[in-house]
N, C-alpha and C. Protein backbone atom coordinates (compact mmCIF):
# COMPACT_ATOMS: atom_id res chain seq x y z
N UNK A 1 -120.56 188.17 -144.37
CA UNK A 1 -121.50 187.27 -143.73
C UNK A 1 -121.98 186.26 -144.78
N UNK A 2 -121.85 185.00 -144.47
CA UNK A 2 -122.23 183.94 -145.40
C UNK A 2 -123.72 183.65 -145.30
N UNK A 3 -124.33 183.50 -146.45
CA UNK A 3 -125.75 183.14 -146.45
C UNK A 3 -125.85 181.65 -146.73
N UNK A 4 -126.79 181.04 -146.11
CA UNK A 4 -126.98 179.61 -146.34
C UNK A 4 -128.20 179.42 -147.21
N UNK A 5 -128.01 178.65 -148.25
CA UNK A 5 -129.12 178.34 -149.14
C UNK A 5 -129.85 177.12 -148.59
N UNK A 6 -131.15 177.08 -148.76
CA UNK A 6 -131.86 175.89 -148.30
C UNK A 6 -131.40 174.66 -149.09
N UNK A 7 -131.21 173.58 -148.38
CA UNK A 7 -130.75 172.36 -149.05
C UNK A 7 -131.91 171.75 -149.83
N UNK A 8 -131.60 171.35 -151.03
CA UNK A 8 -132.62 170.74 -151.87
C UNK A 8 -132.64 169.24 -151.60
N UNK A 9 -133.83 168.70 -151.43
CA UNK A 9 -133.93 167.27 -151.26
C UNK A 9 -133.92 166.62 -152.63
N UNK A 10 -133.16 165.58 -152.74
CA UNK A 10 -133.02 164.91 -154.02
C UNK A 10 -134.17 163.93 -154.21
N UNK A 11 -134.83 164.03 -155.35
CA UNK A 11 -135.94 163.12 -155.62
C UNK A 11 -135.40 161.85 -156.25
N UNK A 12 -135.87 160.72 -155.76
CA UNK A 12 -135.44 159.44 -156.32
C UNK A 12 -136.16 159.17 -157.63
N UNK A 13 -135.42 158.61 -158.55
CA UNK A 13 -136.00 158.22 -159.83
C UNK A 13 -136.86 156.98 -159.58
N UNK A 14 -138.16 157.05 -159.85
CA UNK A 14 -139.03 155.89 -159.58
C UNK A 14 -138.63 154.65 -160.35
N UNK A 15 -138.01 154.81 -161.51
CA UNK A 15 -137.58 153.65 -162.29
C UNK A 15 -136.46 152.90 -161.58
N UNK A 16 -135.65 153.60 -160.81
CA UNK A 16 -134.54 152.95 -160.10
C UNK A 16 -134.99 152.26 -158.82
N UNK A 17 -136.10 152.70 -158.24
CA UNK A 17 -136.56 152.09 -157.00
C UNK A 17 -137.59 150.99 -157.21
N UNK A 18 -138.08 150.83 -158.44
CA UNK A 18 -139.06 149.79 -158.75
C UNK A 18 -138.35 148.43 -158.76
N UNK A 19 -138.88 147.43 -158.05
CA UNK A 19 -138.22 146.12 -158.02
C UNK A 19 -138.21 145.45 -159.40
N UNK A 20 -137.09 144.80 -159.69
CA UNK A 20 -136.95 144.01 -160.91
C UNK A 20 -136.58 142.59 -160.51
N UNK A 21 -136.93 141.65 -161.36
CA UNK A 21 -136.69 140.23 -161.09
C UNK A 21 -135.45 139.76 -161.87
N UNK A 22 -134.38 139.36 -161.15
CA UNK A 22 -133.20 138.84 -161.85
C UNK A 22 -133.53 137.49 -162.49
N UNK A 23 -132.97 137.22 -163.68
CA UNK A 23 -133.16 135.91 -164.30
C UNK A 23 -132.25 134.89 -163.61
N UNK A 24 -132.27 133.66 -164.09
CA UNK A 24 -131.53 132.58 -163.44
C UNK A 24 -130.02 132.84 -163.37
N UNK A 25 -129.44 133.36 -164.46
CA UNK A 25 -128.00 133.62 -164.50
C UNK A 25 -127.61 134.69 -163.48
N UNK A 26 -128.37 135.77 -163.41
CA UNK A 26 -128.07 136.86 -162.49
C UNK A 26 -128.41 136.48 -161.05
N UNK A 27 -129.42 135.62 -160.87
CA UNK A 27 -129.80 135.16 -159.53
C UNK A 27 -128.67 134.41 -158.84
N UNK A 28 -127.82 133.75 -159.60
CA UNK A 28 -126.69 133.04 -159.03
C UNK A 28 -125.73 134.00 -158.33
N UNK A 29 -125.79 135.27 -158.69
CA UNK A 29 -124.88 136.27 -158.12
C UNK A 29 -125.56 137.14 -157.07
N UNK A 30 -126.77 137.62 -157.36
CA UNK A 30 -127.43 138.59 -156.47
C UNK A 30 -128.61 138.01 -155.69
N UNK A 31 -128.96 136.77 -155.93
CA UNK A 31 -130.11 136.17 -155.26
C UNK A 31 -131.35 136.23 -156.15
N UNK A 32 -132.36 135.46 -155.79
CA UNK A 32 -133.52 135.32 -156.67
C UNK A 32 -134.70 136.22 -156.30
N UNK A 33 -134.57 136.99 -155.21
CA UNK A 33 -135.68 137.87 -154.83
C UNK A 33 -135.66 139.16 -155.64
N UNK A 34 -136.82 139.74 -155.92
CA UNK A 34 -136.85 141.02 -156.65
C UNK A 34 -136.11 142.11 -155.88
N UNK A 35 -135.35 142.92 -156.61
CA UNK A 35 -134.56 144.00 -156.03
C UNK A 35 -134.75 145.27 -156.84
N UNK A 36 -134.54 146.42 -156.19
CA UNK A 36 -134.52 147.66 -156.97
C UNK A 36 -133.21 147.65 -157.76
N UNK A 37 -133.14 148.45 -158.81
CA UNK A 37 -131.90 148.50 -159.60
C UNK A 37 -130.72 148.95 -158.75
N UNK A 38 -130.96 149.85 -157.82
CA UNK A 38 -129.90 150.30 -156.92
C UNK A 38 -129.37 149.17 -156.05
N UNK A 39 -130.29 148.39 -155.47
CA UNK A 39 -129.88 147.26 -154.64
C UNK A 39 -129.16 146.21 -155.47
N UNK A 40 -129.65 145.99 -156.69
CA UNK A 40 -129.05 145.01 -157.58
C UNK A 40 -127.61 145.40 -157.90
N UNK A 41 -127.39 146.67 -158.22
CA UNK A 41 -126.05 147.16 -158.52
C UNK A 41 -125.14 147.03 -157.29
N UNK A 42 -125.68 147.35 -156.12
CA UNK A 42 -124.91 147.24 -154.88
C UNK A 42 -124.46 145.80 -154.64
N UNK A 43 -125.39 144.84 -154.80
CA UNK A 43 -125.05 143.43 -154.60
C UNK A 43 -124.04 142.94 -155.64
N UNK A 44 -124.19 143.41 -156.86
CA UNK A 44 -123.27 143.04 -157.92
C UNK A 44 -121.86 143.53 -157.58
N UNK A 45 -121.74 144.77 -157.12
CA UNK A 45 -120.43 145.31 -156.74
C UNK A 45 -119.86 144.58 -155.53
N UNK A 46 -120.71 144.20 -154.58
CA UNK A 46 -120.23 143.43 -153.43
C UNK A 46 -119.60 142.12 -153.91
N UNK A 47 -120.26 141.47 -154.86
CA UNK A 47 -119.75 140.22 -155.42
C UNK A 47 -118.42 140.44 -156.14
N UNK A 48 -118.35 141.51 -156.94
CA UNK A 48 -117.13 141.81 -157.69
C UNK A 48 -115.97 142.07 -156.73
N UNK A 49 -116.21 142.85 -155.69
CA UNK A 49 -115.14 143.18 -154.74
C UNK A 49 -114.75 141.97 -153.90
N UNK A 50 -115.74 141.20 -153.46
CA UNK A 50 -115.48 140.02 -152.63
C UNK A 50 -114.60 139.01 -153.38
N UNK A 51 -114.82 138.89 -154.67
CA UNK A 51 -114.08 137.92 -155.48
C UNK A 51 -112.89 138.53 -156.23
N UNK A 52 -112.58 139.80 -155.96
CA UNK A 52 -111.42 140.45 -156.57
C UNK A 52 -111.48 140.50 -158.09
N UNK A 53 -112.65 140.84 -158.65
CA UNK A 53 -112.84 140.80 -160.10
C UNK A 53 -112.62 142.14 -160.80
N UNK A 54 -112.38 143.20 -160.01
CA UNK A 54 -112.08 144.49 -160.64
C UNK A 54 -110.62 144.46 -161.08
N UNK A 55 -110.38 144.79 -162.33
CA UNK A 55 -109.03 144.76 -162.89
C UNK A 55 -108.13 145.72 -162.10
N UNK A 56 -106.98 145.23 -161.66
CA UNK A 56 -106.09 146.05 -160.84
C UNK A 56 -105.36 147.13 -161.64
N UNK A 57 -105.08 146.85 -162.91
CA UNK A 57 -104.37 147.82 -163.75
C UNK A 57 -105.31 148.90 -164.27
N UNK A 58 -106.50 148.49 -164.70
CA UNK A 58 -107.47 149.43 -165.24
C UNK A 58 -108.77 149.25 -164.47
N UNK A 59 -108.98 150.09 -163.47
CA UNK A 59 -110.08 149.94 -162.50
C UNK A 59 -111.48 150.00 -163.12
N UNK A 60 -111.61 150.52 -164.33
CA UNK A 60 -112.94 150.59 -164.94
C UNK A 60 -113.34 149.27 -165.61
N UNK A 61 -112.45 148.30 -165.60
CA UNK A 61 -112.73 147.01 -166.23
C UNK A 61 -113.05 145.96 -165.17
N UNK A 62 -113.99 145.08 -165.51
CA UNK A 62 -114.40 143.99 -164.64
C UNK A 62 -114.02 142.67 -165.32
N UNK A 63 -113.27 141.83 -164.60
CA UNK A 63 -112.90 140.51 -165.11
C UNK A 63 -113.97 139.52 -164.69
N UNK A 64 -114.46 138.73 -165.62
CA UNK A 64 -115.56 137.81 -165.33
C UNK A 64 -115.06 136.47 -164.82
N UNK A 65 -115.69 135.97 -163.75
CA UNK A 65 -115.49 134.58 -163.36
C UNK A 65 -116.57 133.77 -164.09
N UNK A 66 -116.70 132.49 -163.78
CA UNK A 66 -117.65 131.65 -164.51
C UNK A 66 -119.09 132.15 -164.40
N UNK A 67 -119.50 132.61 -163.20
CA UNK A 67 -120.87 133.08 -163.01
C UNK A 67 -121.12 134.38 -163.78
N UNK A 68 -120.17 135.30 -163.72
CA UNK A 68 -120.35 136.58 -164.43
C UNK A 68 -120.23 136.42 -165.94
N UNK A 69 -119.46 135.45 -166.39
CA UNK A 69 -119.30 135.25 -167.83
C UNK A 69 -120.64 134.97 -168.49
N UNK A 70 -121.52 134.27 -167.78
CA UNK A 70 -122.87 133.98 -168.31
C UNK A 70 -123.65 135.30 -168.43
N UNK A 71 -123.56 136.15 -167.42
CA UNK A 71 -124.26 137.44 -167.43
C UNK A 71 -123.66 138.36 -168.50
N UNK A 72 -122.35 138.28 -168.70
CA UNK A 72 -121.65 139.13 -169.67
C UNK A 72 -121.66 138.54 -171.08
N UNK A 73 -122.56 137.61 -171.36
CA UNK A 73 -122.71 136.99 -172.69
C UNK A 73 -121.42 136.36 -173.19
N UNK A 74 -120.69 135.70 -172.29
CA UNK A 74 -119.49 134.96 -172.67
C UNK A 74 -118.21 135.78 -172.69
N UNK A 75 -118.31 137.09 -172.44
CA UNK A 75 -117.11 137.94 -172.45
C UNK A 75 -116.31 137.73 -171.17
N UNK A 76 -114.98 137.76 -171.28
CA UNK A 76 -114.13 137.57 -170.10
C UNK A 76 -113.84 138.88 -169.38
N UNK A 77 -114.02 140.02 -170.08
CA UNK A 77 -113.79 141.31 -169.45
C UNK A 77 -114.71 142.35 -170.10
N UNK A 78 -115.32 143.19 -169.25
CA UNK A 78 -116.17 144.27 -169.75
C UNK A 78 -115.89 145.53 -168.94
N UNK A 79 -116.25 146.69 -169.50
CA UNK A 79 -116.12 147.95 -168.75
C UNK A 79 -117.31 148.07 -167.81
N UNK A 80 -117.18 148.93 -166.81
CA UNK A 80 -118.29 149.18 -165.87
C UNK A 80 -119.54 149.61 -166.62
N UNK A 81 -119.35 150.41 -167.66
CA UNK A 81 -120.48 150.96 -168.40
C UNK A 81 -121.16 149.88 -169.23
N UNK A 82 -120.37 149.02 -169.83
CA UNK A 82 -120.93 147.91 -170.61
C UNK A 82 -121.62 146.91 -169.67
N UNK A 83 -121.07 146.75 -168.47
CA UNK A 83 -121.66 145.83 -167.49
C UNK A 83 -123.11 146.22 -167.19
N UNK A 84 -123.37 147.50 -167.01
CA UNK A 84 -124.72 147.97 -166.71
C UNK A 84 -125.68 147.58 -167.83
N UNK A 85 -125.24 147.75 -169.06
CA UNK A 85 -126.07 147.40 -170.22
C UNK A 85 -126.33 145.90 -170.28
N UNK A 86 -125.29 145.10 -170.04
CA UNK A 86 -125.43 143.64 -170.09
C UNK A 86 -126.32 143.12 -168.97
N UNK A 87 -126.20 143.70 -167.78
CA UNK A 87 -127.02 143.26 -166.64
C UNK A 87 -128.49 143.57 -166.90
N UNK A 88 -128.77 144.70 -167.56
CA UNK A 88 -130.16 145.06 -167.87
C UNK A 88 -130.87 143.99 -168.70
N UNK A 89 -130.12 143.24 -169.48
CA UNK A 89 -130.70 142.17 -170.28
C UNK A 89 -131.07 140.94 -169.47
N UNK A 90 -130.69 140.94 -168.17
CA UNK A 90 -130.96 139.78 -167.32
C UNK A 90 -131.97 140.08 -166.21
N UNK A 91 -132.75 141.15 -166.39
CA UNK A 91 -133.80 141.46 -165.40
C UNK A 91 -135.13 141.63 -166.10
N UNK A 92 -136.19 141.30 -165.36
CA UNK A 92 -137.55 141.50 -165.85
C UNK A 92 -138.20 142.57 -164.98
N UNK A 93 -138.73 143.59 -165.60
CA UNK A 93 -139.35 144.70 -164.85
C UNK A 93 -140.70 144.29 -164.30
């Protein structure tokens, strides 16, 4: 007889749900209204997928177009992990 464990509700990290203000460079991609970090990441990925910027050979790499190059500090390609760090420099808490 299988026992069922009570499901644990996941607590949201308050730092991730607090709205942040994108700077001018990031606003060109995600809009100028304050967003939570989760929403910001979602919009960023929508932009990357819509414009086909995820590297086809190595899926963890993002190829920058002109708008993303500004956010990526002039780099033409960054990893997903580096992207998160670079985007953090373009928001005000």
